[in-house]
Amino acid sequence: MEGAFPKEALFTIPLFFIKDFMMLVDHIGNWRRYGFGPAWEETMRWLENYAPGGSGSLADLTDGTHPLTDGFVSVATLTSRPLSGSLYECHKRFCDVQMVVEGQEWLFNAATTGLSLDGPFDDQRDVGFFQPAPAEVSRVTLSPGTFALLFPWDAHLPAIAVDGVPAPLRKCVGKIPFESLRLS
């Protein structure tokens, strides 16, 4: 409901509690409710431009890396993939803000606690993969206008075909350095 909540952050959380958070999923119009600081605000304003009703043109949105002051946004056009054979991933330095701009995807999420990496963590690319899949997972459907914030302790599996049917997909992934997140 537009206007039902103030535009400023609705909560204040001590920093040590942030590790109790799991993936955060919401509508792009609600991002101002979360007071995560300037890097968050810059990333979310950039993403909001390309969400439904935003001022940016999808025709002008180019695939590739778009640098920000503190982080970047990666834009990709792809085909959603089957669940079988896909590996969960995690990051150490960056939080992901995943947002679909065309099409839809399933995004799976689980805690990294108790999982083992499938090979060494790639520090240069800030990514590690898990095999086998976690036993307990959550799943959300991302479609235009919905974003998911994933923390370094979130194992996640993006770009999965909804109902197992691969389809065209265009998405943006904001990368915010974890150290840049601030809680109001």
N, C-alpha and C. Protein backbone atom coordinates (compact mmCIF):
# COMPACT_ATOMS: atom_id res chain seq x y z
N MET A 1 0.83 -1.16 0.00
CA MET A 1 0.00 0.00 0.00
C MET A 1 0.89 1.24 0.00
N GLU A 2 0.87 2.00 -1.05
CA GLU A 2 1.69 3.20 -1.16
C GLU A 2 1.26 4.21 -0.09
N GLY A 3 2.25 4.76 0.60
CA GLY A 3 1.99 5.79 1.60
C GLY A 3 1.61 5.25 2.97
N ALA A 4 1.50 3.93 3.12
CA ALA A 4 1.11 3.37 4.40
C ALA A 4 2.24 3.43 5.41
N PHE A 5 3.49 3.52 4.94
CA PHE A 5 4.64 3.57 5.82
C PHE A 5 5.48 4.80 5.47
N PRO A 6 6.20 5.33 6.45
CA PRO A 6 7.07 6.46 6.14
C PRO A 6 8.19 6.03 5.21
N LYS A 7 8.73 6.96 4.44
CA LYS A 7 9.80 6.67 3.49
C LYS A 7 11.11 6.39 4.22
N GLU A 8 11.29 6.88 5.44
CA GLU A 8 12.54 6.64 6.16
C GLU A 8 12.57 5.21 6.70
N ALA A 9 13.75 4.79 7.14
CA ALA A 9 13.91 3.43 7.67
C ALA A 9 12.95 3.20 8.83
N LEU A 10 12.37 2.02 8.89
CA LEU A 10 11.38 1.70 9.91
C LEU A 10 11.98 1.07 11.15
N PHE A 11 13.28 0.78 11.13
CA PHE A 11 13.85 0.09 12.26
C PHE A 11 15.29 0.49 12.49
N THR A 12 15.73 0.28 13.70
CA THR A 12 17.13 0.47 14.05
C THR A 12 17.61 -0.84 14.65
N ILE A 13 18.69 -1.38 14.11
CA ILE A 13 19.18 -2.68 14.53
C ILE A 13 20.66 -2.57 14.87
N PRO A 14 21.07 -3.05 16.03
CA PRO A 14 22.51 -3.06 16.32
C PRO A 14 23.25 -3.90 15.26
N LEU A 15 24.45 -3.46 14.90
CA LEU A 15 25.21 -4.12 13.83
C LEU A 15 25.42 -5.61 14.09
N PHE A 16 25.62 -6.03 15.36
CA PHE A 16 25.90 -7.43 15.60
C PHE A 16 24.70 -8.32 15.29
N PHE A 17 23.50 -7.77 15.16
CA PHE A 17 22.33 -8.57 14.82
C PHE A 17 22.21 -8.86 13.32
N ILE A 18 22.96 -8.16 12.50
CA ILE A 18 22.78 -8.31 11.06
C ILE A 18 23.06 -9.74 10.60
N LYS A 19 23.92 -10.47 11.28
CA LYS A 19 24.21 -11.85 10.87
C LYS A 19 23.02 -12.78 11.10
N ASP A 20 22.01 -12.32 11.83
CA ASP A 20 20.81 -13.13 12.00
C ASP A 20 19.85 -12.96 10.83
N PHE A 21 20.12 -11.99 9.95
CA PHE A 21 19.28 -11.78 8.77
C PHE A 21 19.53 -12.88 7.75
N MET A 22 18.51 -13.22 7.05
CA MET A 22 18.64 -14.05 5.87
C MET A 22 18.17 -13.19 4.70
N MET A 23 18.15 -13.77 3.54
CA MET A 23 17.73 -13.05 2.35
C MET A 23 16.52 -12.17 2.64
N LEU A 24 16.59 -10.96 2.13
CA LEU A 24 15.50 -9.99 2.26
C LEU A 24 14.86 -9.83 0.89
N VAL A 25 13.55 -10.00 0.79
CA VAL A 25 12.84 -9.88 -0.48
C VAL A 25 11.73 -8.86 -0.30
N ASP A 26 11.63 -7.92 -1.27
CA ASP A 26 10.61 -6.89 -1.17
C ASP A 26 10.38 -6.29 -2.56
N HIS A 27 9.39 -5.42 -2.65
CA HIS A 27 9.13 -4.68 -3.88
C HIS A 27 10.09 -3.50 -3.94
N ILE A 28 10.58 -3.16 -5.11
CA ILE A 28 11.56 -2.09 -5.28
C ILE A 28 11.05 -0.76 -4.71
N GLY A 29 9.76 -0.53 -4.73
CA GLY A 29 9.21 0.70 -4.19
C GLY A 29 9.36 0.83 -2.68
N ASN A 30 9.73 -0.25 -2.02
CA ASN A 30 9.86 -0.25 -0.56
C ASN A 30 11.30 -0.17 -0.07
N TRP A 31 12.27 -0.04 -0.95
CA TRP A 31 13.68 -0.13 -0.54
C TRP A 31 14.05 0.93 0.50
N ARG A 32 13.40 2.07 0.51
CA ARG A 32 13.74 3.14 1.45
C ARG A 32 13.41 2.77 2.90
N ARG A 33 12.64 1.73 3.09
CA ARG A 33 12.31 1.28 4.45
C ARG A 33 13.51 0.69 5.17
N TYR A 34 14.53 0.32 4.43
CA TYR A 34 15.69 -0.34 5.01
C TYR A 34 16.86 0.65 5.04
N GLY A 35 17.28 1.05 6.22
CA GLY A 35 18.32 2.05 6.35
C GLY A 35 19.70 1.45 6.36
N PHE A 36 20.18 1.02 5.20
CA PHE A 36 21.48 0.34 5.12
C PHE A 36 22.61 1.26 4.67
N GLY A 37 22.38 2.55 4.54
CA GLY A 37 23.46 3.48 4.27
C GLY A 37 23.60 3.91 2.82
N PRO A 38 24.60 4.78 2.56
CA PRO A 38 24.77 5.40 1.24
C PRO A 38 25.02 4.41 0.08
N ALA A 39 25.81 3.37 0.29
CA ALA A 39 26.06 2.41 -0.80
C ALA A 39 24.76 1.70 -1.19
N TRP A 40 23.96 1.34 -0.19
CA TRP A 40 22.64 0.73 -0.43
C TRP A 40 21.75 1.70 -1.21
N GLU A 41 21.72 2.94 -0.78
CA GLU A 41 20.86 3.94 -1.42
C GLU A 41 21.25 4.15 -2.88
N GLU A 42 22.55 4.26 -3.15
CA GLU A 42 22.98 4.46 -4.53
C GLU A 42 22.62 3.27 -5.42
N THR A 43 22.85 2.07 -4.91
CA THR A 43 22.52 0.86 -5.67
C THR A 43 21.03 0.76 -5.94
N MET A 44 20.22 1.01 -4.92
CA MET A 44 18.78 0.87 -5.06
C MET A 44 18.19 1.95 -5.95
N ARG A 45 18.72 3.15 -5.91
CA ARG A 45 18.24 4.20 -6.84
C ARG A 45 18.54 3.80 -8.28
N TRP A 46 19.73 3.23 -8.51
CA TRP A 46 20.11 2.78 -9.85
C TRP A 46 19.13 1.70 -10.31
N LEU A 47 18.88 0.70 -9.46
CA LEU A 47 17.97 -0.39 -9.82
C LEU A 47 16.54 0.11 -10.03
N GLU A 48 16.11 1.02 -9.17
CA GLU A 48 14.75 1.56 -9.26
C GLU A 48 14.49 2.22 -10.62
N ASN A 49 15.52 2.79 -11.22
CA ASN A 49 15.36 3.42 -12.54
C ASN A 49 14.91 2.42 -13.60
N TYR A 50 15.26 1.15 -13.45
CA TYR A 50 14.96 0.14 -14.47
C TYR A 50 13.85 -0.83 -14.04
N ALA A 51 13.24 -0.55 -12.92
CA ALA A 51 12.08 -1.34 -12.47
C ALA A 51 10.84 -0.79 -13.17
N PRO A 52 9.73 -1.53 -13.17
CA PRO A 52 8.50 -1.00 -13.76
C PRO A 52 8.16 0.37 -13.17
N GLY A 53 7.88 1.33 -14.05
CA GLY A 53 7.57 2.68 -13.62
C GLY A 53 8.78 3.56 -13.41
N GLY A 54 9.98 3.00 -13.56
CA GLY A 54 11.21 3.78 -13.39
C GLY A 54 11.47 4.68 -14.58
N SER A 55 12.38 5.62 -14.41
CA SER A 55 12.66 6.59 -15.47
C SER A 55 13.64 6.08 -16.51
N GLY A 56 14.32 4.97 -16.24
CA GLY A 56 15.29 4.43 -17.19
C GLY A 56 14.61 3.61 -18.29
N SER A 57 15.23 3.58 -19.45
CA SER A 57 14.71 2.82 -20.58
C SER A 57 15.42 1.48 -20.67
N LEU A 58 14.66 0.39 -20.67
CA LEU A 58 15.27 -0.94 -20.82
C LEU A 58 15.99 -1.06 -22.16
N ALA A 59 15.53 -0.36 -23.17
CA ALA A 59 16.18 -0.39 -24.48
C ALA A 59 17.59 0.20 -24.40
N ASP A 60 17.80 1.13 -23.49
CA ASP A 60 19.12 1.76 -23.33
C ASP A 60 19.99 1.06 -22.30
N LEU A 61 19.45 0.09 -21.59
CA LEU A 61 20.19 -0.63 -20.55
C LEU A 61 21.10 -1.66 -21.21
N THR A 62 22.40 -1.47 -21.10
CA THR A 62 23.34 -2.38 -21.75
C THR A 62 23.81 -3.46 -20.79
N ASP A 63 24.00 -4.66 -21.33
CA ASP A 63 24.58 -5.74 -20.55
C ASP A 63 26.02 -5.37 -20.20
N GLY A 64 26.47 -5.85 -19.05
CA GLY A 64 27.84 -5.59 -18.62
C GLY A 64 27.87 -5.00 -17.23
N THR A 65 29.02 -4.46 -16.87
CA THR A 65 29.24 -3.91 -15.53
C THR A 65 29.08 -2.40 -15.55
N HIS A 66 28.29 -1.90 -14.61
CA HIS A 66 28.04 -0.47 -14.46
C HIS A 66 28.59 -0.04 -13.10
N PRO A 67 29.72 0.68 -13.08
CA PRO A 67 30.34 1.05 -11.80
C PRO A 67 29.51 2.07 -11.02
N LEU A 68 29.56 1.93 -9.71
CA LEU A 68 28.95 2.88 -8.78
C LEU A 68 30.06 3.42 -7.88
N THR A 69 29.75 4.37 -7.04
CA THR A 69 30.74 4.93 -6.14
C THR A 69 31.32 3.85 -5.24
N ASP A 70 30.47 3.01 -4.69
CA ASP A 70 30.91 1.94 -3.77
C ASP A 70 30.22 0.65 -4.17
N GLY A 71 30.74 -0.02 -5.21
CA GLY A 71 30.16 -1.24 -5.73
C GLY A 71 29.89 -1.09 -7.21
N PHE A 72 29.03 -1.95 -7.73
CA PHE A 72 28.69 -1.91 -9.15
C PHE A 72 27.41 -2.68 -9.38
N VAL A 73 26.86 -2.55 -10.59
CA VAL A 73 25.69 -3.33 -11.00
C VAL A 73 26.09 -4.09 -12.25
N SER A 74 25.80 -5.37 -12.26
CA SER A 74 26.03 -6.22 -13.43
C SER A 74 24.69 -6.51 -14.09
N VAL A 75 24.61 -6.27 -15.39
CA VAL A 75 23.38 -6.51 -16.15
C VAL A 75 23.63 -7.65 -17.12
N ALA A 76 22.70 -8.59 -17.19
CA ALA A 76 22.87 -9.74 -18.08
C ALA A 76 21.55 -10.14 -18.71
N THR A 77 21.63 -10.56 -19.96
CA THR A 77 20.51 -11.17 -20.67
C THR A 77 20.85 -12.64 -20.82
N LEU A 78 19.97 -13.51 -20.37
CA LEU A 78 20.27 -14.94 -20.37
C LEU A 78 18.98 -15.74 -20.48
N THR A 79 19.11 -17.04 -20.42
CA THR A 79 17.98 -17.96 -20.36
C THR A 79 18.01 -18.62 -19.00
N SER A 80 16.87 -18.65 -18.32
CA SER A 80 16.83 -19.31 -17.01
C SER A 80 17.22 -20.78 -17.18
N ARG A 81 17.76 -21.37 -16.12
CA ARG A 81 18.36 -22.70 -16.23
C ARG A 81 17.61 -23.71 -15.37
N PRO A 82 17.80 -24.99 -15.68
CA PRO A 82 17.15 -26.02 -14.86
C PRO A 82 17.77 -26.09 -13.47
N LEU A 83 17.00 -26.54 -12.51
CA LEU A 83 17.48 -26.69 -11.14
C LEU A 83 18.54 -27.79 -11.05
N SER A 84 18.32 -28.90 -11.72
CA SER A 84 19.25 -30.02 -11.61
C SER A 84 20.61 -29.64 -12.20
N GLY A 85 21.65 -29.97 -11.46
CA GLY A 85 23.01 -29.70 -11.91
C GLY A 85 23.51 -28.30 -11.58
N SER A 86 22.65 -27.44 -11.06
CA SER A 86 23.07 -26.08 -10.72
C SER A 86 23.69 -26.07 -9.33
N LEU A 87 24.69 -25.21 -9.13
CA LEU A 87 25.39 -25.13 -7.85
C LEU A 87 25.02 -23.85 -7.12
N TYR A 88 24.81 -23.97 -5.81
CA TYR A 88 24.60 -22.79 -4.97
C TYR A 88 25.91 -22.02 -4.91
N GLU A 89 25.79 -20.69 -4.78
CA GLU A 89 26.98 -19.84 -4.70
C GLU A 89 26.90 -18.98 -3.45
N CYS A 90 28.05 -18.43 -3.07
CA CYS A 90 28.10 -17.45 -1.98
C CYS A 90 29.23 -16.48 -2.26
N HIS A 91 29.26 -15.39 -1.49
CA HIS A 91 30.28 -14.37 -1.63
C HIS A 91 30.80 -14.02 -0.25
N LYS A 92 32.01 -13.49 -0.18
CA LYS A 92 32.58 -13.06 1.10
C LYS A 92 32.57 -11.54 1.24
N ARG A 93 32.93 -10.84 0.19
CA ARG A 93 33.08 -9.38 0.28
C ARG A 93 31.81 -8.61 -0.08
N PHE A 94 30.99 -9.16 -0.96
CA PHE A 94 29.85 -8.42 -1.48
C PHE A 94 28.51 -9.03 -1.08
N CYS A 95 27.53 -8.15 -0.90
CA CYS A 95 26.13 -8.56 -0.83
C CYS A 95 25.57 -8.40 -2.24
N ASP A 96 24.67 -9.28 -2.63
CA ASP A 96 23.98 -9.17 -3.91
C ASP A 96 22.62 -8.54 -3.70
N VAL A 97 22.24 -7.67 -4.64
CA VAL A 97 20.85 -7.24 -4.75
C VAL A 97 20.40 -7.69 -6.13
N GLN A 98 19.63 -8.76 -6.19
CA GLN A 98 19.20 -9.35 -7.45
C GLN A 98 17.83 -8.79 -7.82
N MET A 99 17.70 -8.35 -9.08
CA MET A 99 16.43 -7.82 -9.55
C MET A 99 16.24 -8.18 -11.02
N VAL A 100 15.14 -8.84 -11.33
CA VAL A 100 14.78 -9.17 -12.70
C VAL A 100 14.12 -7.95 -13.32
N VAL A 101 14.50 -7.62 -14.58
CA VAL A 101 13.85 -6.52 -15.28
C VAL A 101 12.95 -7.01 -16.41
N GLU A 102 13.21 -8.23 -16.92
CA GLU A 102 12.34 -8.86 -17.92
C GLU A 102 12.32 -10.36 -17.66
N GLY A 103 11.13 -10.95 -17.70
CA GLY A 103 10.99 -12.38 -17.43
C GLY A 103 10.78 -12.61 -15.95
N GLN A 104 11.07 -13.84 -15.53
CA GLN A 104 11.02 -14.18 -14.11
C GLN A 104 11.92 -15.36 -13.84
N GLU A 105 12.29 -15.52 -12.58
CA GLU A 105 13.18 -16.61 -12.18
C GLU A 105 12.79 -17.10 -10.80
N TRP A 106 13.19 -18.32 -10.50
CA TRP A 106 13.17 -18.79 -9.13
C TRP A 106 14.55 -18.52 -8.56
N LEU A 107 14.57 -18.05 -7.32
CA LEU A 107 15.81 -17.83 -6.58
C LEU A 107 15.73 -18.67 -5.32
N PHE A 108 16.67 -19.59 -5.17
CA PHE A 108 16.73 -20.44 -3.99
C PHE A 108 17.77 -19.87 -3.02
N ASN A 109 17.56 -20.09 -1.73
CA ASN A 109 18.42 -19.52 -0.70
C ASN A 109 18.52 -20.48 0.47
N ALA A 110 19.72 -20.56 1.07
CA ALA A 110 19.94 -21.36 2.27
C ALA A 110 21.11 -20.78 3.04
N ALA A 111 21.20 -21.05 4.31
CA ALA A 111 22.34 -20.61 5.11
C ALA A 111 23.58 -21.41 4.70
N THR A 112 24.74 -20.75 4.72
CA THR A 112 25.99 -21.45 4.37
C THR A 112 26.48 -22.32 5.52
N THR A 113 25.92 -22.15 6.71
CA THR A 113 26.33 -22.93 7.87
C THR A 113 26.25 -24.42 7.58
N GLY A 114 27.34 -25.13 7.79
CA GLY A 114 27.36 -26.58 7.60
C GLY A 114 27.58 -27.04 6.16
N LEU A 115 27.66 -26.12 5.22
CA LEU A 115 27.88 -26.50 3.82
C LEU A 115 29.38 -26.53 3.52
N SER A 116 29.76 -27.34 2.56
CA SER A 116 31.16 -27.43 2.14
C SER A 116 31.31 -26.91 0.73
N LEU A 117 32.36 -26.12 0.52
CA LEU A 117 32.62 -25.60 -0.81
C LEU A 117 33.00 -26.73 -1.76
N ASP A 118 32.58 -26.61 -3.00
CA ASP A 118 32.92 -27.54 -4.06
C ASP A 118 34.15 -26.97 -4.79
N GLY A 119 35.32 -27.13 -4.19
CA GLY A 119 36.53 -26.54 -4.73
C GLY A 119 36.89 -25.30 -3.95
N PRO A 120 37.99 -24.66 -4.31
CA PRO A 120 38.43 -23.47 -3.58
C PRO A 120 37.56 -22.26 -3.86
N PHE A 121 37.46 -21.37 -2.89
CA PHE A 121 36.76 -20.11 -3.05
C PHE A 121 37.61 -19.23 -3.97
N ASP A 122 37.00 -18.59 -4.95
CA ASP A 122 37.69 -17.72 -5.89
C ASP A 122 37.67 -16.30 -5.32
N ASP A 123 38.76 -15.91 -4.63
CA ASP A 123 38.82 -14.59 -4.00
C ASP A 123 38.78 -13.46 -5.02
N GLN A 124 39.38 -13.66 -6.17
CA GLN A 124 39.40 -12.60 -7.18
C GLN A 124 38.00 -12.28 -7.69
N ARG A 125 37.20 -13.31 -7.94
CA ARG A 125 35.82 -13.11 -8.41
C ARG A 125 34.82 -13.03 -7.25
N ASP A 126 35.28 -13.27 -6.02
CA ASP A 126 34.44 -13.26 -4.83
C ASP A 126 33.26 -14.22 -4.98
N VAL A 127 33.58 -15.48 -5.27
CA VAL A 127 32.51 -16.48 -5.40
C VAL A 127 33.02 -17.85 -5.02
N GLY A 128 32.16 -18.59 -4.33
CA GLY A 128 32.40 -19.99 -4.02
C GLY A 128 31.13 -20.76 -4.32
N PHE A 129 31.29 -22.04 -4.64
CA PHE A 129 30.13 -22.88 -5.00
C PHE A 129 30.02 -24.06 -4.05
N PHE A 130 28.79 -24.52 -3.84
CA PHE A 130 28.51 -25.62 -2.92
C PHE A 130 27.94 -26.82 -3.66
N GLN A 131 28.39 -27.99 -3.26
CA GLN A 131 27.85 -29.25 -3.78
C GLN A 131 27.93 -30.24 -2.64
N PRO A 132 26.93 -30.98 -2.26
CA PRO A 132 25.58 -31.00 -2.84
C PRO A 132 24.74 -29.82 -2.36
N ALA A 133 23.53 -29.78 -2.85
CA ALA A 133 22.59 -28.72 -2.48
C ALA A 133 22.26 -28.83 -0.99
N PRO A 134 22.00 -27.70 -0.33
CA PRO A 134 21.60 -27.73 1.08
C PRO A 134 20.28 -28.47 1.25
N ALA A 135 20.10 -29.05 2.44
CA ALA A 135 18.87 -29.80 2.72
C ALA A 135 17.68 -28.87 2.94
N GLU A 136 17.89 -27.74 3.60
CA GLU A 136 16.79 -26.80 3.87
C GLU A 136 16.99 -25.54 3.06
N VAL A 137 16.02 -25.23 2.22
CA VAL A 137 16.13 -24.05 1.36
C VAL A 137 14.80 -23.30 1.34
N SER A 138 14.87 -22.05 0.92
CA SER A 138 13.65 -21.29 0.63
C SER A 138 13.71 -20.92 -0.84
N ARG A 139 12.55 -20.66 -1.41
CA ARG A 139 12.47 -20.30 -2.82
C ARG A 139 11.53 -19.13 -2.98
N VAL A 140 11.95 -18.15 -3.79
CA VAL A 140 11.08 -17.04 -4.13
C VAL A 140 11.07 -16.89 -5.65
N THR A 141 10.00 -16.30 -6.15
CA THR A 141 9.92 -15.97 -7.56
C THR A 141 10.24 -14.49 -7.70
N LEU A 142 11.27 -14.19 -8.49
CA LEU A 142 11.59 -12.80 -8.78
C LEU A 142 11.03 -12.45 -10.15
N SER A 143 10.27 -11.39 -10.19
CA SER A 143 9.73 -10.85 -11.44
C SER A 143 9.98 -9.35 -11.40
N PRO A 144 9.78 -8.64 -12.51
CA PRO A 144 10.08 -7.21 -12.52
C PRO A 144 9.40 -6.48 -11.36
N GLY A 145 10.21 -5.69 -10.66
CA GLY A 145 9.71 -4.93 -9.52
C GLY A 145 10.02 -5.54 -8.18
N THR A 146 10.53 -6.77 -8.14
CA THR A 146 10.88 -7.43 -6.90
C THR A 146 12.39 -7.57 -6.82
N PHE A 147 12.95 -7.30 -5.64
CA PHE A 147 14.39 -7.48 -5.45
C PHE A 147 14.64 -8.43 -4.29
N ALA A 148 15.84 -9.01 -4.27
CA ALA A 148 16.29 -9.85 -3.17
C ALA A 148 17.69 -9.39 -2.76
N LEU A 149 17.86 -9.10 -1.47
CA LEU A 149 19.16 -8.77 -0.91
C LEU A 149 19.72 -10.02 -0.27
N LEU A 150 20.91 -10.42 -0.71
CA LEU A 150 21.57 -11.62 -0.21
C LEU A 150 22.87 -11.24 0.48
N PHE A 151 23.05 -11.75 1.69
CA PHE A 151 24.22 -11.47 2.50
C PHE A 151 25.31 -12.52 2.25
N PRO A 152 26.55 -12.27 2.70
CA PRO A 152 27.63 -13.24 2.46
C PRO A 152 27.35 -14.64 3.03
N TRP A 153 26.54 -14.78 4.04
CA TRP A 153 26.24 -16.09 4.61
C TRP A 153 25.03 -16.75 3.97
N ASP A 154 24.52 -16.15 2.89
CA ASP A 154 23.41 -16.73 2.14
C ASP A 154 23.94 -17.51 0.94
N ALA A 155 23.80 -18.82 0.97
CA ALA A 155 24.04 -19.61 -0.24
C ALA A 155 22.83 -19.39 -1.12
N HIS A 156 23.05 -19.09 -2.39
CA HIS A 156 21.91 -18.80 -3.25
C HIS A 156 22.10 -19.38 -4.64
N LEU A 157 20.97 -19.63 -5.26
CA LEU A 157 20.92 -20.27 -6.57
C LEU A 157 19.98 -19.44 -7.44
N PRO A 158 20.53 -18.49 -8.21
CA PRO A 158 19.69 -17.61 -9.02
C PRO A 158 19.42 -18.15 -10.41
N ALA A 159 18.52 -17.47 -11.11
CA ALA A 159 18.24 -17.72 -12.54
C ALA A 159 17.73 -19.13 -12.82
N ILE A 160 16.96 -19.69 -11.90
CA ILE A 160 16.40 -21.02 -12.10
C ILE A 160 15.05 -20.89 -12.81
N ALA A 161 14.83 -21.76 -13.78
CA ALA A 161 13.61 -21.74 -14.61
C ALA A 161 12.37 -21.99 -13.75
N VAL A 162 11.41 -21.09 -13.83
CA VAL A 162 10.14 -21.24 -13.12
C VAL A 162 9.41 -22.45 -13.69
N ASP A 163 8.95 -23.33 -12.81
CA ASP A 163 8.26 -24.57 -13.17
C ASP A 163 9.09 -25.44 -14.11
N GLY A 164 10.42 -25.26 -14.10
CA GLY A 164 11.31 -26.10 -14.89
C GLY A 164 11.34 -25.77 -16.38
N VAL A 165 10.75 -24.66 -16.79
CA VAL A 165 10.69 -24.29 -18.21
C VAL A 165 11.64 -23.13 -18.46
N PRO A 166 12.82 -23.38 -19.06
CA PRO A 166 13.75 -22.29 -19.35
C PRO A 166 13.09 -21.22 -20.22
N ALA A 167 13.40 -19.96 -19.90
CA ALA A 167 12.79 -18.83 -20.61
C ALA A 167 13.76 -17.66 -20.61
N PRO A 168 13.59 -16.72 -21.56
CA PRO A 168 14.45 -15.54 -21.59
C PRO A 168 14.32 -14.75 -20.29
N LEU A 169 15.45 -14.16 -19.88
CA LEU A 169 15.54 -13.47 -18.60
C LEU A 169 16.53 -12.33 -18.75
N ARG A 170 16.18 -11.21 -18.19
CA ARG A 170 17.12 -10.08 -18.13
C ARG A 170 17.13 -9.60 -16.70
N LYS A 171 18.32 -9.45 -16.14
CA LYS A 171 18.39 -9.11 -14.73
C LYS A 171 19.57 -8.21 -14.43
N CYS A 172 19.45 -7.55 -13.29
CA CYS A 172 20.51 -6.70 -12.74
C CYS A 172 20.90 -7.27 -11.39
N VAL A 173 22.20 -7.29 -11.13
CA VAL A 173 22.70 -7.72 -9.82
C VAL A 173 23.57 -6.60 -9.28
N GLY A 174 23.07 -5.93 -8.26
CA GLY A 174 23.86 -4.92 -7.58
C GLY A 174 24.82 -5.60 -6.62
N LYS A 175 26.06 -5.15 -6.62
CA LYS A 175 27.09 -5.70 -5.73
C LYS A 175 27.51 -4.59 -4.77
N ILE A 176 27.17 -4.78 -3.49
CA ILE A 176 27.48 -3.79 -2.45
C ILE A 176 28.50 -4.42 -1.51
N PRO A 177 29.66 -3.78 -1.31
CA PRO A 177 30.60 -4.32 -0.33
C PRO A 177 29.91 -4.44 1.04
N PHE A 178 30.03 -5.61 1.65
CA PHE A 178 29.36 -5.85 2.94
C PHE A 178 29.77 -4.80 3.97
N GLU A 179 31.05 -4.43 3.97
CA GLU A 179 31.53 -3.43 4.94
C GLU A 179 30.88 -2.07 4.73
N SER A 180 30.29 -1.83 3.54
CA SER A 180 29.66 -0.54 3.26
C SER A 180 28.23 -0.46 3.78
N LEU A 181 27.64 -1.60 4.14
CA LEU A 181 26.28 -1.54 4.68
C LEU A 181 26.30 -0.92 6.06
N ARG A 182 25.37 -0.04 6.30
CA ARG A 182 25.24 0.62 7.59
C ARG A 182 23.79 0.47 8.05
N LEU A 183 23.63 0.29 9.32
CA LEU A 183 22.27 0.22 9.86
C LEU A 183 21.96 1.50 10.60
N SER A 184 20.78 2.05 10.31
CA SER A 184 20.37 3.30 10.97
C SER A 184 20.10 3.05 12.43
